[in-house]
Each structure stands twice: as structure tokens, then as C-alpha cells.
Amino acid sequence: MVALTGEQLLAYVEYTTDKFKKLLTTHPEILAFPCDIRETQSVAQLLQHIVAVELRYPERLLELPQTDYATIPYDSVDAIYATHNRAFDLIRPLLEKDEDWWEEVLEFKTRSIGALHITRRTALVQSLTHSIRHYAQLATLVRHHGITADLPLDYIFMGLLPSIS
């Protein structure tokens, strides 16, 4: 059994991302909230980190020059999610690659732990699940700052069918 296809995992990340983008558009003040997740000072910097990973991993997969982390904007909701959109424009066509391509091992140089040798599949899954993990942390942080939001983020909520009465 295949638990999730690449397309399904991508859809889950998009679902979660859309929920947060809507929340941040309604409450842009969240960007300025203090945050110490992953060596950041603010929520805006955490979001920069999220979209940087989303962008830099597919750039590596495609063997493109990596966008300099410091140049990834995080000064507005639109700027942050423009980077997300750019990343997903790179990711979507990758899902058409054949199985052999996904099993190739590449050397990835990371900012925090140095060089890794991982398959292309592992790199894509890391890029996508990384976002989900940080969005869960962000949901807690936002709630602790008094913003209640309807954020049904679990995968199960993506595919809810109408109730049968």
C-alpha cells in the first residue's frame, strides 16, 4: 500500500499553507510576534525559514543555484507566500519524474548540520513535512498570543465528505 502519493502530500501542505495565509492576512500583526523556534526572533522569520526550505530543496533537486537564504523576503504576508508559490512551481513538475530519479542519492549541504547524502525522495518529503511541523508549532504560538483561529490542520480534515443522514 502506498500511504500517500507525492500529489497527496503536496495537497496537504497546500491545504495547511492556505489556512495560515488566510489567518495571517486577517491578522498581519502575527508576523511581529516574538518567536524562538529554530533560532528565529519573530514569526515572520519562522515563516522565512519555512519557505526557504520549501524553495531551496527543490532547487537542489533540480541542481539549480540555491537562492541565498538572506535574500528571501519576510516583510509581508504577500512576500512570504510569493516565495512559497515559487517553490511549489518548481515542485509540481518534479512529481512526474520516474522512480529511478527519486532514488538517486545527492549530497545536500545544509545550513545547520553540514553535508548530507540523501535520496531525492527523502529531500522532497523533508521539504514538505518540514512545513507541516513548523505550522503546528506556529498554531500553538498564535493561540498563546490570544488569537483563536479555526485551523483544522489535520490531514483528515482535507477530505471530509458531507455527512450522510
C-alpha atoms as a PDB file:
ATOM      1  CA  MET A   1       0.000   0.000   0.000  1.00  0.00           C
ATOM      2  CA  VAL A   2       1.201   3.474  -0.814  1.00  0.00           C
ATOM      3  CA  ALA A   3       0.292   5.632   2.168  1.00  0.00           C
ATOM      4  CA  LEU A   4       0.465   8.945   0.316  1.00  0.00           C
ATOM      5  CA  THR A   5       1.409   9.920  -3.184  1.00  0.00           C
ATOM      6  CA  GLY A   6       3.555  12.947  -3.823  1.00  0.00           C
ATOM      7  CA  GLU A   7       0.474  14.730  -5.129  1.00  0.00           C
ATOM      8  CA  GLN A   8      -1.466  13.986  -1.936  1.00  0.00           C
ATOM      9  CA  LEU A   9       1.365  15.160   0.299  1.00  0.00           C
ATOM     10  CA  LEU A  10       1.706  18.313  -1.785  1.00  0.00           C
ATOM     11  CA  ALA A  11      -2.050  18.914  -1.483  1.00  0.00           C
ATOM     12  CA  TYR A  12      -1.826  18.552   2.307  1.00  0.00           C
ATOM     13  CA  VAL A  13       0.948  21.130   2.517  1.00  0.00           C
ATOM     14  CA  GLU A  14      -1.043  23.484   0.272  1.00  0.00           C
ATOM     15  CA  TYR A  15      -4.136  22.985   2.453  1.00  0.00           C
ATOM     16  CA  THR A  16      -2.163  23.858   5.593  1.00  0.00           C
ATOM     17  CA  THR A  17      -0.387  26.761   3.917  1.00  0.00           C
ATOM     18  CA  ASP A  18      -3.680  28.226   2.674  1.00  0.00           C
ATOM     19  CA  LYS A  19      -5.136  28.097   6.190  1.00  0.00           C
ATOM     20  CA  PHE A  20      -2.175  30.007   7.576  1.00  0.00           C
ATOM     21  CA  LYS A  21      -2.046  32.507   4.757  1.00  0.00           C
ATOM     22  CA  LYS A  22      -5.713  33.365   5.392  1.00  0.00           C
ATOM     23  CA  LEU A  23      -5.054  33.729   9.127  1.00  0.00           C
ATOM     24  CA  LEU A  24      -2.022  35.946   8.536  1.00  0.00           C
ATOM     25  CA  THR A  25      -3.878  38.063   6.004  1.00  0.00           C
ATOM     26  CA  THR A  26      -6.588  38.663   8.608  1.00  0.00           C
ATOM     27  CA  HIS A  27      -4.050  39.186  11.415  1.00  0.00           C
ATOM     28  CA  PRO A  28      -0.811  40.530   9.881  1.00  0.00           C
ATOM     29  CA  GLU A  29       0.290  41.563  13.382  1.00  0.00           C
ATOM     30  CA  ILE A  30       1.163  37.897  13.931  1.00  0.00           C
ATOM     31  CA  LEU A  31       4.303  38.434  11.829  1.00  0.00           C
ATOM     32  CA  ALA A  32       5.750  40.594  14.617  1.00  0.00           C
ATOM     33  CA  PHE A  33       5.043  38.140  17.444  1.00  0.00           C
ATOM     34  CA  PRO A  34       8.229  37.042  19.198  1.00  0.00           C
ATOM     35  CA  CYS A  35       9.295  33.535  18.309  1.00  0.00           C
ATOM     36  CA  ASP A  36      12.274  31.416  19.289  1.00  0.00           C
ATOM     37  CA  ILE A  37      11.565  28.411  17.095  1.00  0.00           C
ATOM     38  CA  ARG A  38      14.568  27.444  15.007  1.00  0.00           C
ATOM     39  CA  GLU A  39      16.730  30.382  16.109  1.00  0.00           C
ATOM     40  CA  THR A  40      14.230  32.999  14.970  1.00  0.00           C
ATOM     41  CA  GLN A  41      13.237  36.233  16.639  1.00  0.00           C
ATOM     42  CA  SER A  42       9.767  36.646  15.130  1.00  0.00           C
ATOM     43  CA  VAL A  43       7.006  34.726  13.407  1.00  0.00           C
ATOM     44  CA  ALA A  44       8.000  36.467  10.177  1.00  0.00           C
ATOM     45  CA  GLN A  45      11.472  34.940  10.453  1.00  0.00           C
ATOM     46  CA  LEU A  46       9.997  31.498  11.141  1.00  0.00           C
ATOM     47  CA  LEU A  47       7.895  31.844   8.001  1.00  0.00           C
ATOM     48  CA  GLN A  48      11.014  32.876   6.089  1.00  0.00           C
ATOM     49  CA  HIS A  49      12.632  29.661   7.324  1.00  0.00           C
ATOM     50  CA  ILE A  50       9.621  27.586   6.221  1.00  0.00           C
ATOM     51  CA  VAL A  51       9.509  28.992   2.689  1.00  0.00           C
ATOM     52  CA  ALA A  52      13.301  28.967   2.388  1.00  0.00           C
ATOM     53  CA  VAL A  53      13.343  25.205   2.914  1.00  0.00           C
ATOM     54  CA  GLU A  54      10.394  24.818   0.524  1.00  0.00           C
ATOM     55  CA  LEU A  55      12.378  26.700  -2.132  1.00  0.00           C
ATOM     56  CA  ARG A  56      15.945  25.589  -1.574  1.00  0.00           C
ATOM     57  CA  TYR A  57      15.255  21.842  -1.542  1.00  0.00           C
ATOM     58  CA  PRO A  58      13.624  21.723  -4.996  1.00  0.00           C
ATOM     59  CA  GLU A  59      16.396  23.988  -6.271  1.00  0.00           C
ATOM     60  CA  ARG A  60      18.846  21.347  -5.053  1.00  0.00           C
ATOM     61  CA  LEU A  61      16.768  18.563  -6.603  1.00  0.00           C
ATOM     62  CA  LEU A  62      16.870  20.355  -9.930  1.00  0.00           C
ATOM     63  CA  GLU A  63      20.558  21.164  -9.458  1.00  0.00           C
ATOM     64  CA  LEU A  64      19.824  24.880  -9.753  1.00  0.00           C
ATOM     65  CA  PRO A  65      21.753  27.566  -7.891  1.00  0.00           C
ATOM     66  CA  GLN A  66      20.277  27.894  -4.419  1.00  0.00           C
ATOM     67  CA  THR A  67      18.587  31.129  -3.530  1.00  0.00           C
ATOM     68  CA  ASP A  68      20.593  32.915  -0.863  1.00  0.00           C
ATOM     69  CA  TYR A  69      18.693  32.439   2.383  1.00  0.00           C
ATOM     70  CA  ALA A  70      19.260  36.060   3.434  1.00  0.00           C
ATOM     71  CA  THR A  71      17.555  37.350   0.273  1.00  0.00           C
ATOM     72  CA  ILE A  72      14.277  35.537   0.942  1.00  0.00           C
ATOM     73  CA  PRO A  73      11.825  38.273   1.971  1.00  0.00           C
ATOM     74  CA  TYR A  74       9.688  38.056   5.076  1.00  0.00           C
ATOM     75  CA  ASP A  75       8.450  41.619   5.460  1.00  0.00           C
ATOM     76  CA  SER A  76       4.847  40.874   4.457  1.00  0.00           C
ATOM     77  CA  VAL A  77       2.407  38.028   4.070  1.00  0.00           C
ATOM     78  CA  ASP A  78       2.422  38.502   0.291  1.00  0.00           C
ATOM     79  CA  ALA A  79       6.220  38.411   0.077  1.00  0.00           C
ATOM     80  CA  ILE A  80       6.445  35.269   2.202  1.00  0.00           C
ATOM     81  CA  TYR A  81       3.851  33.383   0.189  1.00  0.00           C
ATOM     82  CA  ALA A  82       5.277  34.559  -3.131  1.00  0.00           C
ATOM     83  CA  THR A  83       8.350  32.519  -2.191  1.00  0.00           C
ATOM     84  CA  HIS A  84       6.117  29.570  -1.285  1.00  0.00           C
ATOM     85  CA  ASN A  85       4.417  29.814  -4.688  1.00  0.00           C
ATOM     86  CA  ARG A  86       7.773  29.997  -6.456  1.00  0.00           C
ATOM     87  CA  ALA A  87       8.869  26.845  -4.612  1.00  0.00           C
ATOM     88  CA  PHE A  88       5.743  24.913  -5.471  1.00  0.00           C
ATOM     89  CA  ASP A  89       6.052  25.908  -9.124  1.00  0.00           C
ATOM     90  CA  LEU A  90       9.366  24.021  -9.007  1.00  0.00           C
ATOM     91  CA  ILE A  91       7.992  21.067  -7.040  1.00  0.00           C
ATOM     92  CA  ARG A  92       4.864  20.262  -9.076  1.00  0.00           C
ATOM     93  CA  PRO A  93       6.688  19.143 -12.252  1.00  0.00           C
ATOM     94  CA  LEU A  94       9.053  17.002 -10.175  1.00  0.00           C
ATOM     95  CA  LEU A  95       6.169  14.693  -9.312  1.00  0.00           C
ATOM     96  CA  GLU A  96       6.223  13.458 -12.914  1.00  0.00           C
ATOM     97  CA  LYS A  97       9.765  12.095 -12.586  1.00  0.00           C
ATOM     98  CA  ASP A  98      10.238   8.330 -12.766  1.00  0.00           C
ATOM     99  CA  GLU A  99      11.010   6.133  -9.766  1.00  0.00           C
ATOM    100  CA  ASP A 100      14.712   5.752 -10.595  1.00  0.00           C
ATOM    101  CA  TRP A 101      15.188   9.538 -10.483  1.00  0.00           C
ATOM    102  CA  TRP A 102      13.680   9.666  -6.984  1.00  0.00           C
ATOM    103  CA  GLU A 103      16.081   7.013  -5.655  1.00  0.00           C
ATOM    104  CA  GLU A 104      19.233   8.845  -6.782  1.00  0.00           C
ATOM    105  CA  VAL A 105      21.407   9.899  -3.865  1.00  0.00           C
ATOM    106  CA  LEU A 106      22.532  13.509  -3.799  1.00  0.00           C
ATOM    107  CA  GLU A 107      24.786  15.432  -1.497  1.00  0.00           C
ATOM    108  CA  PHE A 108      22.857  18.210   0.210  1.00  0.00           C
ATOM    109  CA  LYS A 109      24.723  20.953   2.001  1.00  0.00           C
ATOM    110  CA  THR A 110      22.576  22.255   4.817  1.00  0.00           C
ATOM    111  CA  ARG A 111      22.958  25.471   6.779  1.00  0.00           C
ATOM    112  CA  SER A 112      22.798  23.813  10.165  1.00  0.00           C
ATOM    113  CA  ILE A 113      24.275  20.302  10.020  1.00  0.00           C
ATOM    114  CA  GLY A 114      26.583  20.284   7.031  1.00  0.00           C
ATOM    115  CA  ALA A 115      26.547  17.829   4.155  1.00  0.00           C
ATOM    116  CA  LEU A 116      24.008  15.018   3.939  1.00  0.00           C
ATOM    117  CA  HIS A 117      23.716  12.174   1.468  1.00  0.00           C
ATOM    118  CA  ILE A 118      20.023  11.522   0.861  1.00  0.00           C
ATOM    119  CA  THR A 119      17.753  10.331  -1.911  1.00  0.00           C
ATOM    120  CA  ARG A 120      15.771  12.828  -3.925  1.00  0.00           C
ATOM    121  CA  ARG A 121      12.613  11.280  -2.403  1.00  0.00           C
ATOM    122  CA  THR A 122      13.867  11.953   1.120  1.00  0.00           C
ATOM    123  CA  ALA A 123      14.677  15.543   0.184  1.00  0.00           C
ATOM    124  CA  LEU A 124      11.171  16.165  -1.151  1.00  0.00           C
ATOM    125  CA  VAL A 125       9.459  14.543   1.836  1.00  0.00           C
ATOM    126  CA  GLN A 126      11.672  16.563   4.204  1.00  0.00           C
ATOM    127  CA  SER A 127      10.832  19.785   2.399  1.00  0.00           C
ATOM    128  CA  LEU A 128       7.095  19.160   2.623  1.00  0.00           C
ATOM    129  CA  THR A 129       6.797  17.664   6.111  1.00  0.00           C
ATOM    130  CA  HIS A 130       9.116  20.352   7.471  1.00  0.00           C
ATOM    131  CA  SER A 131       6.462  22.963   6.679  1.00  0.00           C
ATOM    132  CA  ILE A 132       3.702  20.962   8.365  1.00  0.00           C
ATOM    133  CA  ARG A 133       5.771  20.557  11.538  1.00  0.00           C
ATOM    134  CA  HIS A 134       6.544  24.246  11.824  1.00  0.00           C
ATOM    135  CA  TYR A 135       2.949  25.270  11.071  1.00  0.00           C
ATOM    136  CA  ALA A 136       1.836  23.098  14.005  1.00  0.00           C
ATOM    137  CA  GLN A 137       4.303  24.915  16.254  1.00  0.00           C
ATOM    138  CA  LEU A 138       3.067  28.223  14.891  1.00  0.00           C
ATOM    139  CA  ALA A 139      -0.569  27.332  15.620  1.00  0.00           C
ATOM    140  CA  THR A 140       0.311  26.914  19.293  1.00  0.00           C
ATOM    141  CA  LEU A 141       2.289  30.141  19.399  1.00  0.00           C
ATOM    142  CA  VAL A 142      -0.571  32.104  17.801  1.00  0.00           C
ATOM    143  CA  ARG A 143      -3.054  30.654  20.282  1.00  0.00           C
ATOM    144  CA  HIS A 144      -0.789  31.624  23.185  1.00  0.00           C
ATOM    145  CA  HIS A 145      -0.885  35.202  21.890  1.00  0.00           C
ATOM    146  CA  GLY A 146      -4.670  35.230  22.162  1.00  0.00           C
ATOM    147  CA  ILE A 147      -5.648  34.722  18.560  1.00  0.00           C
ATOM    148  CA  THR A 148      -8.170  31.979  18.186  1.00  0.00           C
ATOM    149  CA  ALA A 149      -8.418  30.628  14.724  1.00  0.00           C
ATOM    150  CA  ASP A 150     -10.350  27.921  13.009  1.00  0.00           C
ATOM    151  CA  LEU A 151      -7.329  25.915  11.941  1.00  0.00           C
ATOM    152  CA  PRO A 152      -8.376  22.321  11.390  1.00  0.00           C
ATOM    153  CA  LEU A 153      -4.915  21.289  10.218  1.00  0.00           C
ATOM    154  CA  ASP A 154      -5.035  17.512  10.484  1.00  0.00           C
ATOM    155  CA  TYR A 155      -4.893  15.613   7.219  1.00  0.00           C
ATOM    156  CA  ILE A 156      -8.306  14.094   7.937  1.00  0.00           C
ATOM    157  CA  PHE A 157      -9.991  17.494   7.541  1.00  0.00           C
ATOM    158  CA  MET A 158      -8.832  17.817   3.930  1.00  0.00           C
ATOM    159  CA  GLY A 159     -11.044  15.064   2.659  1.00  0.00           C
ATOM    160  CA  LEU A 160     -14.154  15.310   4.779  1.00  0.00           C
ATOM    161  CA  LEU A 161     -17.221  14.179   2.929  1.00  0.00           C
ATOM    162  CA  PRO A 162     -20.687  15.563   3.583  1.00  0.00           C
ATOM    163  CA  SER A 163     -22.450  13.832   6.451  1.00  0.00           C
ATOM    164  CA  ILE A 164     -24.879  11.133   5.426  1.00  0.00           C
ATOM    165  CA  SER A 165     -28.118  11.481   7.342  1.00  0.00           C
END
